[in-house]
């Protein structure tokens, strides 16, 4: 089981604004950080996704769990509105398994960020 994930970002302020907006539809918010160099996102008292000032552009892939298809769609819309680039709009991905519903975006540093729910089926 994963405890946390960290990404280095080239422009901390830009990344913070992106993740503040993009993770909100999934129920995650900024929980910790110094406001200028690093931030931890998650649920109260449990940050599990971190960004930190650094070189960025590592081309990481991070998938966040979503409660339902509506949350996946809201994530995708929020990410695009916050400056992300589309890497696969909301939809079923039966090549992964039946009921795999996901959306993908590139964050401002080129990392592939996904929201996924497993709808069954």
Foldseek 3Di string as FASTA:
>chain_A
DAQAEEFEAAAVVLLQLLCQQLCVLQVKHWADDDVHFKTFIDHHPRGHYMYGHDDFLPQAEEEAEHPDLVSQQSSVVRNVVSPWAFPAHWDDDCVVPPQWTKGWTQHPRRHIYMYTYRRDD
